[in-house]
Amino acid sequence: MKAFIALFKTEAKLAFRGGDMLIFGIAFPVGIMLLIGFISEPEAIRLAFGGIATVGICASALMGLPLTISGYRHGKILKRFRVTPVSPAVLLSAVALLQVLFAWVSALGVFLIARFGFSVALSGSAVRYIATFLFVQVTVFSLGFLIASLAPNEKTANWVCTLAYFPMLLLSGATVPFEILPAGLRAFASVFPLTQGILLLKGAVLQTDISQDLFRFLVLGAMAAVSYLLAISRFRWE
């Protein structure tokens, strides 16, 4: 536990020093929430804030997590940890927890601005919304772990992360309302896990019948399970 705490503190210091997650994972979604809040009608804000809350998930899962792990692999850090008393799994756990917390801090900031800045309220249970957010986070993080596991080098990981991150960020409904996209783009973006996750969050906000979303839960859950299994079985230490 002492080793984990020490590594977590070190990872946090490195993350704050680098600043990328502070900008793209926290400040960026908060800025979008403020912009949407000032230019949109109350109902539009209520429909949008769940999607905006996933921007932090997108940044941490598809950029922060895989790029950090692939960087440690490229720098032989994971290889060196394998010959120390501290398992490299402890380092990976510290990296993952930090990225998870970044996503939650981002979502909390977005919610507080929506709730107290623009009087947005959930139609239904906060428990359902939080549970759905956690489910979406677990799902999207599975892709980040998969990229981190399979990318042969840091350059490849950077390209794959870029190709995954920006389309989901721009087309899933996280930043641009999904409903205003052309039909062709909506059909294309519908295959993104984040798109389906945001639709689940909208259902939680509006308190729609959860049985209508059962198929989405099953598909995303199956995708996450397969991704985690592949990530564990194919993980590259060096």
Foldseek 3Di string as FASTA:
>chain_A
DVVLVVLLVVLVVVCVVVCPCVVQQAVVLLVLLVVCLVPHDLVVSLLQLLLSLCSNLLCLQLPQLLLVLLVCLQVCVLVVQVPDPHHVVSNSVSSVVVSVVSSVNRSVSSVCCSCVVRVHDFPDDPVQLVVLVVLLSLLSNLVSLLLSFPQPHSVSSVVVSVVLRPLCCPALSNRDHNVPDPPVSNVVNVPRLSNLSSVSNSCRRHVPDCVVSPVNSVVSVVNSVVSNVNSVVRGDSD
